[in-house]
């Protein structure tokens, strides 16, 4: 009876970024399987070392860094202003996003003492800045931020405790412009990320309610979510202008673009460098 890879062998192949075809091996006997595994592991190790050598001998940066730069450039060219905000949030800012102690998301927050936390999202800081910029600048106001967020996610193929978000907001629009802008800004980001195959679909959020998800890649990974305002959350910030906002996960964008199921290999890591496992 044919046999496939053992769980330990499969784990190692995924660590070494074996492709789907390589992970679907089938062999007449366990001896054949073990021999094939050794040959494939040697090949994947050589492939990884070659990629590391190419990185050392060139100016290439890790894919996550390159993607961040590409997105920043594309958004600036589209009339957005980049902002940089603190990674530590106050409990009060989260409360303004409706995330109080009894909210389902409160258990996923990394708390630093009683009144501070690592930001689980960029939105509170962007709201804080927008309430002033909408007063100072001529409308519409377009801003974005790229930065780390932290959340106690359930372990899985598409979840990380530390991940990189891009949040963009255009505020002071006419109500007729919002959907058009949402589609336009999504297209700008997806083009910069090198992703052609994507679609928009409706979903529900514990914070924003009805949202629009951006799904991409062969496996239709959720790479971003969008919301349209005015929204009930706006009142806490004194904001009344119509707006559209979209948040993208950079690691998920890379997953969709590269068609990989190894999220950890393309995220911030001590075990990988630019997708290559270091214990080779």
Foldseek 3Di string as FASTA:
>chain_A
DKDADDPVLLVLCQLLQPDPVVRPDIGPDPVVRVVVSVVVSVVSQVVLVVVVVVVVVDVDAFPLVLLVVLQVVLVVVVPAAEDDDDQKDWQVLVVLLVDDPPQPQNVFWAADPDTITGAQDDVSVVLQVCLVCVVVDDPFHKYKYKDWHATNDDDDLPDDRIFIKIKMKTWQDDPVCAVVVVVVSVVSSCVSLVFDAWDWDWDQDSRQGIWIFIFAAPVRHGFKIKDWDPGPSSVSSVDDTTMIMMMGTSLVSVCRNVVGSRSQQRGDDPQHGSSGGPPD
